[in-house]
Amino acid sequence: MAHLVLRLLITQTLGWDDAEQTLWAQELSWTYGVYQPPLYTWLVHGVSRLTGPGVLATALVRYGVLFAMYVGLLLAACVAFERRRDVVLAVAGYPLIYLFAFYAHHDLTHTSLMAAGIAVTLFALFAARRTGAWWAYALLGLALGCGMLSKYTFGLFALSLLAAAWLTPDFRRVVLNRRAWLVPIIALAICAPYYTHAALAGRSAGAVAGVLVGADDATAPSDRAMAIPRAAVAAVEFTLPFSVIAALVFPALWRSGRIGEGQGEVRRLLGLQMIIGTCLMALAALALGAAEVKGRWMLPALMALPLFLFSSPAAAAIGRRRARAYLYIVLAVSALAAAARIGVDHFEPRVERGCRRTLPVHGLRRPVTEMGFGAGEIVAESNHLGGNLAMLLPRARVHSACPGKGPVTVPEPGARVLYVWRGGPEPVPEETGEHARALGLVLSADREATRTLAIPFRTYPRRRAPFTLRVAEPAEPQAGGRPGAAE
């Protein structure tokens, strides 16, 4: 809740990921490029319809997803652990993982949604083991189906969890239970329409893999061979600083022997899932030829680490003093993360680069409207600028000249278009010029069709952000209109 309030108070500019989602969520679609499955964008679209596009809509989705993740983890730990203190210590470990302590509050979208899917899946599986109730199996199918619509790598988690369950006697009985047929039926009913549509649209697994690896793919055999050690480094990176803090405060937890001890079958399941998941991630990195393996990519494999660690038999011997010190560290790290967010957003304009979260985009609303494009066709130079314009001008139809992995949209044929970019009128950004030429549009040389702005940053007025607004018209004359002048 504190981070939600901070997000609403610090800056009214959308960050990169939130801006992309706002840009894409202008329309409800089966698919949004080959970037990721559409569930997160659907959520942004739905909330934006209620609140209007912008910071509030994206913040509600972001923190709604994180809230669901923590509720899922708390319920999973309550079902799995006998001691309530172990529940608190395990769930408190997640704010010590950098991904959740800081990164998830300003950039992550699909990854956070996948984390929520993993948490609810674990709770549903533990509940099915304990109760055998139909609702637990139905929830498991719901979580798996939504997880497959959150991010493609959720499939690696689901596969590793199934393998671990099969190798764990108690959970093998869950898989073989007569009510288990509910799981694939519900999961497929949720995710099969999207994947069927994607397959019919010609989206191959290779195309998706190429987008995931991007420009960092390794082609040389020696580079490919390094994918496995990179995955090992990424696995360690994902756990920081939680793993270091837990090792210092609770060293006995790391010396507790076999994975089947402690909370018994639950610990065995989680340990096997992490081992199998890490191996699958390493093999996927090797197969895709990833020249870089990022720490956050290991989330499907290692998200269960705090739960696994505090299911150790050594957890029963944790003294009050150590437990209290650990919780104080959690509070201190959380406060430090909040202070860092305030500091970064306050001092970012003083740095001569980036400034995505503090870019003074609100100064664009009035001049764009005065030029007659408050409800017109607008093309921004980037997804970030496009998303912020979509927030400022909800009646306009905003596109991106450089959509990247996202969907490609174009203005209505024959329409006058306003191009907006960050910087002076000359030179025209390369992607912007190519976009206009591809649509048969000519950027007007008329001074009245061009505006240059220098908008001061809110927290550092001495620095100004330059913007250019320039009208483009069809190259050929239109009935009742006039041709655009060549540059």
Protein backbone atom coordinates (compact mmCIF):
# COMPACT_ATOMS: atom_id res chain seq x y z
CA MET A 1 0.00 0.00 0.00
CA ALA A 2 2.86 2.38 0.83
CA HIS A 3 4.45 1.77 -2.57
CA LEU A 4 1.09 2.36 -4.29
CA VAL A 5 0.76 5.74 -2.54
CA LEU A 6 4.34 6.60 -3.45
CA ARG A 7 3.70 5.76 -7.08
CA LEU A 8 0.69 8.06 -7.21
CA LEU A 9 2.49 10.93 -5.45
CA ILE A 10 6.03 10.91 -6.85
CA THR A 11 5.47 11.39 -10.57
CA GLN A 12 2.58 11.40 -13.01
CA THR A 13 4.75 10.18 -15.88
CA LEU A 14 4.50 6.57 -16.96
CA GLY A 15 7.66 4.47 -16.85
CA TRP A 16 8.71 2.38 -19.82
CA ASP A 17 6.73 -0.81 -19.14
CA ASP A 18 3.63 1.02 -17.93
CA ALA A 19 3.74 3.30 -20.97
CA GLU A 20 3.96 0.31 -23.31
CA GLN A 21 0.98 -1.32 -21.65
CA THR A 22 -1.05 1.90 -21.81
CA LEU A 23 -0.22 2.30 -25.49
CA TRP A 24 -1.18 -1.26 -26.37
CA ALA A 25 -4.26 -1.28 -24.12
CA GLN A 26 -5.96 1.39 -26.24
CA GLU A 27 -7.62 -1.55 -27.99
CA LEU A 28 -8.73 -4.97 -26.79
CA SER A 29 -7.04 -7.59 -28.93
CA TRP A 30 -6.26 -11.30 -28.97
CA THR A 31 -2.59 -10.55 -29.28
CA TYR A 32 -0.17 -7.67 -28.82
CA GLY A 33 2.74 -8.55 -31.06
CA VAL A 34 5.00 -11.47 -30.17
CA TYR A 35 6.22 -9.91 -26.95
CA GLN A 36 4.24 -11.82 -24.33
CA PRO A 37 0.76 -13.33 -23.81
CA PRO A 38 -2.02 -10.76 -23.45
CA LEU A 39 -3.43 -11.17 -19.93
CA TYR A 40 -1.59 -8.24 -18.35
CA THR A 41 -2.56 -5.91 -21.19
CA TRP A 42 -6.16 -7.09 -20.89
CA LEU A 43 -6.09 -6.14 -17.21
CA VAL A 44 -4.71 -2.68 -18.02
CA HIS A 45 -7.36 -2.23 -20.71
CA GLY A 46 -10.17 -3.18 -18.32
CA VAL A 47 -9.00 -0.97 -15.47
CA SER A 48 -8.32 1.92 -17.87
CA ARG A 49 -11.92 1.75 -19.00
CA LEU A 50 -12.96 2.39 -15.39
CA THR A 51 -10.37 4.93 -14.25
CA GLY A 52 -9.10 6.36 -17.52
CA PRO A 53 -5.65 5.49 -18.91
CA GLY A 54 -2.65 6.56 -16.92
CA VAL A 55 -0.73 6.22 -13.69
CA LEU A 56 -3.72 5.21 -11.56
CA ALA A 57 -4.81 2.42 -13.91
CA THR A 58 -1.33 0.91 -14.27
CA ALA A 59 -0.61 1.26 -10.54
CA LEU A 60 -3.84 -0.50 -9.61
CA VAL A 61 -2.99 -3.39 -11.92
CA ARG A 62 0.63 -3.56 -10.77
CA TYR A 63 -0.15 -3.59 -7.08
CA GLY A 64 -3.24 -5.72 -7.50
CA VAL A 65 -1.01 -8.36 -9.08
CA LEU A 66 1.63 -8.04 -6.32
CA PHE A 67 -1.10 -8.24 -3.67
CA ALA A 68 -2.40 -11.44 -5.27
CA MET A 69 1.14 -12.83 -5.25
CA TYR A 70 1.66 -12.18 -1.53
CA VAL A 71 -1.79 -13.52 -0.64
CA GLY A 72 -1.03 -16.67 -2.64
CA LEU A 73 2.33 -17.10 -0.90
CA LEU A 74 0.79 -16.52 2.52
CA LEU A 75 -1.96 -19.08 1.93
CA ALA A 76 0.52 -21.58 0.48
CA ALA A 77 2.78 -21.21 3.52
CA CYS A 78 -0.17 -21.50 5.93
CA VAL A 79 -1.22 -24.79 4.34
CA ALA A 80 2.32 -26.19 4.08
CA PHE A 81 3.89 -25.13 7.40
CA GLU A 82 2.94 -26.28 10.89
CA ARG A 83 4.42 -23.31 12.74
CA ARG A 84 3.01 -19.83 12.09
CA ARG A 85 6.42 -18.29 12.74
CA ASP A 86 7.81 -20.20 9.77
CA VAL A 87 4.97 -18.80 7.65
CA VAL A 88 5.90 -15.23 8.60
CA LEU A 89 9.63 -15.73 8.10
CA ALA A 90 9.19 -17.42 4.70
CA VAL A 91 6.80 -14.84 3.24
CA ALA A 92 8.91 -12.01 4.69
CA GLY A 93 11.81 -13.29 2.60
CA TYR A 94 10.28 -12.10 -0.68
CA PRO A 95 10.75 -8.36 -0.03
CA LEU A 96 14.43 -9.22 0.38
CA ILE A 97 14.70 -10.40 -3.22
CA TYR A 98 15.68 -7.42 -5.38
CA LEU A 99 13.12 -8.33 -8.02
CA PHE A 100 10.28 -7.79 -5.53
CA ALA A 101 11.96 -5.24 -3.26
CA PHE A 102 12.58 -2.63 -5.94
CA TYR A 103 12.36 -3.75 -9.56
CA ALA A 104 8.69 -4.82 -9.46
CA HIS A 105 7.65 -1.35 -8.30
CA HIS A 106 8.74 0.52 -11.38
CA ASP A 107 9.25 -1.77 -14.38
CA LEU A 108 8.03 -5.37 -14.24
CA THR A 109 4.60 -6.26 -15.64
CA HIS A 110 4.27 -9.78 -17.11
CA THR A 111 6.93 -11.11 -14.73
CA SER A 112 4.94 -9.92 -11.70
CA LEU A 113 1.80 -11.51 -13.12
CA MET A 114 3.69 -14.78 -13.61
CA ALA A 115 4.88 -14.58 -9.98
CA ALA A 116 1.26 -14.24 -8.84
CA GLY A 117 0.33 -17.25 -10.96
CA ILE A 118 3.14 -19.29 -9.41
CA ALA A 119 2.08 -18.34 -5.87
CA VAL A 120 -1.57 -19.24 -6.42
CA THR A 121 -0.57 -22.47 -8.18
CA LEU A 122 1.48 -23.55 -5.16
CA PHE A 123 -1.38 -22.75 -2.79
CA ALA A 124 -3.87 -24.68 -4.91
CA LEU A 125 -1.54 -27.69 -5.14
CA PHE A 126 -0.90 -27.73 -1.38
CA ALA A 127 -4.64 -27.36 -0.72
CA ALA A 128 -5.42 -30.23 -3.11
CA ARG A 129 -2.95 -32.42 -1.25
CA ARG A 130 -4.39 -31.56 2.16
CA THR A 131 -8.12 -31.49 1.40
CA GLY A 132 -8.61 -33.31 -1.89
CA ALA A 133 -11.51 -30.89 -2.48
CA TRP A 134 -12.80 -30.14 -5.97
CA TRP A 135 -12.37 -26.38 -5.42
CA ALA A 136 -8.62 -26.87 -4.92
CA TYR A 137 -8.32 -28.70 -8.23
CA ALA A 138 -10.48 -26.07 -9.95
CA LEU A 139 -8.27 -23.31 -8.52
CA LEU A 140 -5.18 -25.19 -9.68
CA GLY A 141 -6.55 -25.30 -13.23
CA LEU A 142 -7.45 -21.61 -13.05
CA ALA A 143 -3.98 -20.65 -11.82
CA LEU A 144 -2.21 -22.73 -14.48
CA GLY A 145 -4.43 -21.35 -17.25
CA CYS A 146 -3.91 -17.74 -16.19
CA GLY A 147 -0.21 -18.40 -15.66
CA MET A 148 0.12 -19.55 -19.26
CA LEU A 149 -1.46 -16.23 -20.30
CA SER A 150 0.93 -14.24 -18.11
CA LYS A 151 4.33 -15.07 -19.59
CA TYR A 152 5.68 -17.78 -21.87
CA THR A 153 8.26 -19.00 -19.35
CA PHE A 154 5.48 -19.92 -16.92
CA GLY A 155 5.36 -23.14 -18.92
CA LEU A 156 8.81 -24.07 -17.59
CA PHE A 157 7.55 -23.64 -14.03
CA ALA A 158 4.45 -25.74 -14.74
CA LEU A 159 6.55 -28.50 -16.32
CA SER A 160 9.08 -28.56 -13.48
CA LEU A 161 6.29 -28.58 -10.88
CA LEU A 162 4.56 -31.50 -12.59
CA ALA A 163 7.82 -33.47 -12.72
CA ALA A 164 8.53 -32.71 -9.06
CA ALA A 165 5.00 -33.73 -8.06
CA TRP A 166 5.37 -37.03 -9.90
CA LEU A 167 8.62 -37.72 -8.04
CA THR A 168 7.04 -36.94 -4.64
CA PRO A 169 4.70 -39.70 -3.39
CA ASP A 170 2.15 -37.48 -1.63
CA PHE A 171 1.83 -35.17 -4.61
CA ARG A 172 1.82 -38.03 -7.10
CA ARG A 173 -1.45 -39.06 -5.47
CA VAL A 174 -2.74 -35.53 -6.13
CA VAL A 175 -1.87 -35.91 -9.81
CA LEU A 176 -3.59 -39.32 -9.97
CA ASN A 177 -6.68 -38.27 -8.02
CA ARG A 178 -9.96 -38.74 -9.90
CA ARG A 179 -10.68 -35.02 -9.51
CA ALA A 180 -7.43 -34.07 -11.25
CA TRP A 181 -9.21 -34.11 -14.62
CA LEU A 182 -10.60 -30.68 -13.69
CA VAL A 183 -7.11 -29.17 -13.91
CA PRO A 184 -6.31 -29.62 -17.64
CA ILE A 185 -9.92 -28.92 -18.66
CA ILE A 186 -10.03 -25.56 -16.87
CA ALA A 187 -6.45 -24.62 -17.79
CA LEU A 188 -6.99 -25.37 -21.49
CA ALA A 189 -10.34 -23.60 -21.53
CA ILE A 190 -8.52 -20.45 -20.37
CA CYS A 191 -5.31 -20.48 -22.41
CA ALA A 192 -6.07 -22.66 -25.46
CA PRO A 193 -8.03 -19.96 -27.38
CA TYR A 194 -5.08 -17.58 -27.28
CA TYR A 195 -2.47 -20.16 -28.28
CA THR A 196 -4.74 -21.49 -31.03
CA HIS A 197 -5.19 -17.98 -32.38
CA ALA A 198 -1.43 -17.39 -32.18
CA ALA A 199 -0.72 -20.62 -34.07
CA LEU A 200 -3.29 -19.82 -36.77
CA ALA A 201 -1.78 -16.34 -37.09
CA GLY A 202 1.54 -17.95 -37.96
CA ARG A 203 3.33 -17.24 -34.71
CA SER A 204 5.83 -20.06 -34.44
CA ALA A 205 7.72 -21.09 -31.32
CA GLY A 206 10.92 -20.06 -33.10
CA ALA A 207 9.62 -16.55 -33.67
CA VAL A 208 8.68 -16.20 -30.01
CA ALA A 209 12.06 -17.58 -28.96
CA GLY A 210 13.81 -15.11 -31.25
CA VAL A 211 11.99 -12.23 -29.63
CA LEU A 212 12.81 -13.49 -26.14
CA VAL A 213 16.52 -13.77 -26.92
CA GLY A 214 16.51 -10.60 -29.05
CA ALA A 215 19.75 -9.21 -30.31
CA ASP A 216 21.75 -11.05 -27.65
CA ASP A 217 21.61 -14.46 -29.31
CA ALA A 218 24.87 -16.38 -29.44
CA THR A 219 25.75 -18.09 -32.70
CA ALA A 220 29.27 -19.42 -32.09
CA PRO A 221 29.43 -22.85 -30.36
CA SER A 222 31.75 -21.44 -27.69
CA ASP A 223 29.25 -18.66 -26.94
CA ARG A 224 26.39 -21.14 -26.77
CA ALA A 225 28.35 -23.31 -24.36
CA MET A 226 28.58 -20.36 -21.97
CA ALA A 227 24.78 -20.28 -21.61
CA ILE A 228 24.86 -22.83 -18.77
CA PRO A 229 27.40 -20.98 -16.57
CA ARG A 230 25.51 -17.75 -17.32
CA ALA A 231 22.33 -19.44 -16.08
CA ALA A 232 24.14 -20.46 -12.89
CA VAL A 233 25.25 -16.86 -12.30
CA ALA A 234 21.73 -15.64 -13.04
CA ALA A 235 20.34 -18.12 -10.49
CA VAL A 236 22.55 -16.62 -7.78
CA GLU A 237 21.69 -13.09 -8.93
CA PHE A 238 17.96 -13.75 -8.65
CA THR A 239 18.22 -14.74 -4.97
CA LEU A 240 20.08 -11.59 -3.87
CA PRO A 241 20.18 -10.11 -1.30
CA PHE A 242 17.83 -12.61 0.37
CA SER A 243 20.26 -15.53 0.11
CA VAL A 244 23.11 -13.55 1.69
CA ILE A 245 20.96 -12.16 4.52
CA ALA A 246 19.43 -15.56 5.25
CA ALA A 247 22.89 -17.18 5.26
CA LEU A 248 24.17 -14.61 7.76
CA VAL A 249 21.15 -14.63 10.07
CA PHE A 250 20.17 -18.31 9.77
CA PRO A 251 23.32 -20.22 8.73
CA ALA A 252 21.86 -23.50 10.01
CA LEU A 253 19.14 -23.40 7.33
CA TRP A 254 21.77 -23.90 4.64
CA ARG A 255 23.31 -26.92 6.39
CA SER A 256 20.15 -28.93 6.94
CA GLY A 257 20.84 -31.91 4.72
CA ARG A 258 18.52 -33.65 2.31
CA ILE A 259 15.64 -31.92 0.56
CA GLY A 260 13.06 -34.35 1.95
CA GLU A 261 13.65 -33.43 5.63
CA GLY A 262 11.75 -30.85 7.68
CA GLN A 263 8.27 -30.27 6.28
CA GLY A 264 8.65 -33.62 4.53
CA GLU A 265 6.88 -33.94 1.23
CA VAL A 266 6.40 -30.20 0.72
CA ARG A 267 10.12 -29.58 1.11
CA ARG A 268 10.89 -32.44 -1.27
CA LEU A 269 8.47 -31.05 -3.85
CA LEU A 270 9.89 -27.52 -3.67
CA GLY A 271 13.49 -28.71 -3.77
CA LEU A 272 12.91 -30.93 -6.78
CA GLN A 273 10.95 -28.18 -8.55
CA MET A 274 13.84 -25.75 -8.14
CA ILE A 275 16.43 -28.26 -9.32
CA ILE A 276 14.39 -29.33 -12.34
CA GLY A 277 13.35 -25.76 -13.10
CA THR A 278 16.94 -24.49 -13.00
CA CYS A 279 18.06 -27.29 -15.31
CA LEU A 280 15.22 -26.52 -17.73
CA MET A 281 16.10 -22.83 -17.74
CA ALA A 282 19.76 -23.61 -18.39
CA LEU A 283 18.86 -26.00 -21.22
CA ALA A 284 16.46 -23.42 -22.70
CA ALA A 285 19.21 -20.79 -22.62
CA LEU A 286 21.56 -23.25 -24.31
CA ALA A 287 19.01 -24.22 -26.96
CA LEU A 288 18.07 -20.61 -27.73
CA GLY A 289 21.68 -19.50 -27.79
CA ALA A 290 21.18 -16.73 -25.23
CA ALA A 291 24.34 -14.65 -24.98
CA GLU A 292 22.93 -13.16 -21.77
CA VAL A 293 20.82 -14.77 -19.05
CA LYS A 294 19.20 -12.22 -16.77
CA GLY A 295 18.55 -12.84 -13.12
CA ARG A 296 14.82 -12.22 -13.40
CA TRP A 297 14.57 -14.99 -16.01
CA MET A 298 15.18 -17.48 -13.18
CA LEU A 299 11.96 -16.58 -11.37
CA PRO A 300 10.01 -19.64 -12.68
CA ALA A 301 12.77 -21.89 -11.36
CA LEU A 302 13.64 -20.32 -8.01
CA MET A 303 10.64 -18.39 -6.72
CA ALA A 304 9.98 -21.11 -4.13
CA LEU A 305 13.39 -20.60 -2.45
CA PRO A 306 12.19 -18.79 0.73
CA LEU A 307 9.42 -21.37 1.21
CA PHE A 308 11.92 -24.19 0.71
CA LEU A 309 14.48 -22.67 3.07
CA PHE A 310 12.10 -22.21 6.01
CA SER A 311 10.66 -25.70 5.56
CA SER A 312 14.02 -26.95 6.84
CA PRO A 313 14.07 -28.93 10.10
CA ALA A 314 16.52 -26.35 11.40
CA ALA A 315 13.76 -23.70 11.28
CA ALA A 316 12.31 -25.15 14.49
CA ALA A 317 15.46 -24.10 16.36
CA ILE A 318 15.42 -20.45 15.24
CA GLY A 319 15.57 -18.24 18.32
CA ARG A 320 13.43 -15.17 18.90
CA ARG A 321 16.41 -12.85 18.75
CA ARG A 322 17.44 -14.04 15.29
CA ALA A 323 13.86 -14.00 14.03
CA ARG A 324 13.39 -10.45 15.32
CA ALA A 325 16.67 -9.30 13.76
CA TYR A 326 15.62 -10.83 10.43
CA LEU A 327 12.27 -9.02 10.46
CA TYR A 328 13.99 -5.74 11.33
CA ILE A 329 16.23 -6.24 8.30
CA VAL A 330 13.16 -6.84 6.13
CA LEU A 331 11.63 -3.57 7.35
CA ALA A 332 14.90 -1.72 6.82
CA VAL A 333 15.29 -3.03 3.26
CA SER A 334 11.67 -2.13 2.48
CA ALA A 335 12.19 1.40 3.82
CA LEU A 336 15.44 1.69 1.86
CA ALA A 337 13.65 0.60 -1.33
CA ALA A 338 10.96 3.26 -0.80
CA ALA A 339 13.59 5.92 -0.11
CA ALA A 340 15.53 4.84 -3.21
CA ARG A 341 12.41 5.28 -5.34
CA ILE A 342 11.94 8.79 -4.04
CA GLY A 343 15.61 9.62 -4.51
CA VAL A 344 15.85 8.20 -8.03
CA ASP A 345 12.76 10.06 -9.22
CA HIS A 346 13.90 13.28 -7.55
CA PHE A 347 17.48 13.28 -8.83
CA GLU A 348 16.91 11.60 -12.20
CA PRO A 349 16.43 14.93 -14.09
CA ARG A 350 19.89 16.01 -12.96
CA VAL A 351 21.39 13.14 -14.96
CA GLU A 352 21.83 13.83 -18.66
CA ARG A 353 20.19 10.63 -19.83
CA GLY A 354 17.05 8.56 -19.46
CA CYS A 355 14.54 10.42 -17.27
CA ARG A 356 11.70 8.18 -18.41
CA ARG A 357 9.87 8.29 -15.08
CA THR A 358 10.17 12.07 -14.69
CA LEU A 359 9.88 13.26 -18.31
CA PRO A 360 7.59 16.36 -18.25
CA VAL A 361 5.08 14.98 -20.73
CA HIS A 362 2.12 16.83 -19.24
CA GLY A 363 3.24 19.96 -20.99
CA LEU A 364 2.34 18.30 -24.30
CA ARG A 365 -1.43 18.09 -23.76
CA ARG A 366 -2.27 21.72 -24.51
CA PRO A 367 -0.15 22.26 -27.66
CA VAL A 368 -1.29 18.94 -29.17
CA THR A 369 -4.91 19.90 -28.56
CA GLU A 370 -4.36 23.40 -29.96
CA MET A 371 -2.99 21.87 -33.15
CA GLY A 372 -6.28 19.98 -33.56
CA PHE A 373 -5.10 16.49 -32.63
CA GLY A 374 -6.79 16.07 -29.25
CA ALA A 375 -8.92 13.37 -30.89
CA GLY A 376 -6.79 12.75 -33.97
CA GLU A 377 -4.07 10.43 -35.22
CA ILE A 378 -0.73 10.76 -33.41
CA VAL A 379 2.54 8.92 -33.97
CA ALA A 380 5.16 9.05 -31.21
CA GLU A 381 8.82 8.26 -31.72
CA SER A 382 8.79 5.49 -29.08
CA ASN A 383 6.48 3.28 -27.07
CA HIS A 384 7.33 5.28 -23.94
CA LEU A 385 6.32 8.61 -25.41
CA GLY A 386 3.33 7.00 -27.15
CA GLY A 387 1.99 5.53 -23.91
CA ASN A 388 2.27 8.86 -22.14
CA LEU A 389 0.44 10.60 -25.00
CA ALA A 390 -2.29 7.95 -24.83
CA MET A 391 -2.62 8.79 -21.13
CA LEU A 392 -2.81 12.55 -21.76
CA LEU A 393 -5.14 12.35 -24.77
CA PRO A 394 -7.54 9.41 -24.27
CA ARG A 395 -9.69 10.51 -27.23
CA ALA A 396 -6.74 10.43 -29.64
CA ARG A 397 -5.47 7.33 -31.42
CA VAL A 398 -1.77 7.03 -30.63
CA HIS A 399 0.76 4.87 -32.49
CA SER A 400 4.48 4.23 -32.16
CA ALA A 401 7.01 4.78 -34.93
CA CYS A 402 9.23 2.15 -33.29
CA PRO A 403 6.91 -0.50 -31.77
CA GLY A 404 9.69 -3.02 -31.17
CA LYS A 405 8.24 -6.34 -29.98
CA GLY A 406 4.76 -4.87 -29.62
CA PRO A 407 1.86 -4.63 -32.07
CA VAL A 408 2.22 -2.55 -35.23
CA THR A 409 -0.67 -0.09 -35.69
CA VAL A 410 -1.05 2.59 -38.36
CA PRO A 411 -3.19 5.71 -38.71
CA GLU A 412 -6.33 5.76 -40.82
CA PRO A 413 -5.55 6.04 -44.57
CA GLY A 414 -5.66 9.63 -45.83
CA ALA A 415 -5.69 11.15 -42.35
CA ARG A 416 -3.51 14.03 -41.22
CA VAL A 417 -1.08 12.77 -38.64
CA LEU A 418 0.83 14.52 -35.89
CA TYR A 419 4.34 13.18 -35.30
CA VAL A 420 5.83 13.82 -31.87
CA TRP A 421 9.39 13.21 -30.86
CA ARG A 422 11.82 14.15 -28.16
CA GLY A 423 14.40 16.61 -29.46
CA GLY A 424 14.65 19.50 -31.90
CA PRO A 425 12.97 19.72 -35.31
CA GLU A 426 16.17 18.75 -37.10
CA PRO A 427 17.26 16.15 -37.70
CA VAL A 428 14.08 14.10 -37.84
CA PRO A 429 14.59 10.81 -35.96
CA GLU A 430 15.39 8.02 -38.42
CA GLU A 431 12.52 5.74 -37.32
CA THR A 432 10.06 8.63 -37.50
CA GLY A 433 11.08 9.58 -41.03
CA GLU A 434 10.94 5.98 -42.22
CA HIS A 435 7.52 5.51 -40.62
CA ALA A 436 6.10 8.55 -42.43
CA ARG A 437 7.56 7.53 -45.78
CA ALA A 438 6.24 3.98 -45.42
CA LEU A 439 2.72 5.40 -45.01
CA GLY A 440 3.08 7.78 -47.95
CA LEU A 441 3.11 10.82 -45.65
CA VAL A 442 5.21 13.94 -45.91
CA LEU A 443 6.29 15.90 -42.85
CA SER A 444 5.20 19.46 -43.46
CA ALA A 445 7.80 22.23 -43.74
CA ASP A 446 5.19 24.86 -42.88
CA ARG A 447 6.12 26.68 -39.69
CA GLU A 448 2.49 26.72 -38.60
CA ALA A 449 2.46 22.93 -38.80
CA THR A 450 5.49 22.58 -36.51
CA ARG A 451 5.93 23.39 -32.86
CA THR A 452 9.05 23.11 -30.77
CA LEU A 453 8.79 22.98 -27.01
CA ALA A 454 11.19 23.10 -24.09
CA ILE A 455 9.34 21.87 -21.00
CA PRO A 456 11.03 22.17 -17.58
CA PHE A 457 11.32 19.16 -15.29
CA ARG A 458 9.17 19.46 -12.19
CA THR A 459 11.92 18.63 -9.67
CA TYR A 460 14.73 20.38 -11.59
CA PRO A 461 13.36 23.37 -13.56
CA ARG A 462 16.85 24.38 -14.71
CA ARG A 463 16.76 21.47 -17.12
CA ARG A 464 14.24 21.40 -19.96
CA ALA A 465 13.12 18.54 -22.16
CA PRO A 466 12.89 19.45 -25.87
CA PHE A 467 9.98 18.14 -27.95
CA THR A 468 8.93 18.62 -31.56
CA LEU A 469 5.35 18.37 -32.85
CA ARG A 470 5.06 18.18 -36.62
CA VAL A 471 2.10 17.57 -38.92
CA ALA A 472 2.35 15.06 -41.76
CA GLU A 473 -0.12 14.86 -44.63
CA PRO A 474 -0.63 12.49 -47.56
CA ALA A 475 1.90 13.01 -50.32
CA GLU A 476 -0.85 13.12 -52.93
CA PRO A 477 -3.53 15.84 -52.85
CA GLN A 478 -6.85 14.81 -51.32
CA ALA A 479 -10.30 16.08 -52.26
CA GLY A 480 -11.09 19.10 -50.15
CA GLY A 481 -7.59 19.14 -48.72
CA ARG A 482 -4.11 20.20 -49.67
CA PRO A 483 -0.90 18.26 -50.25
CA GLY A 484 1.79 18.37 -47.65
CA ALA A 485 4.86 20.37 -48.55
CA ALA A 486 8.07 18.46 -49.02
CA GLU A 487 10.81 18.99 -46.50
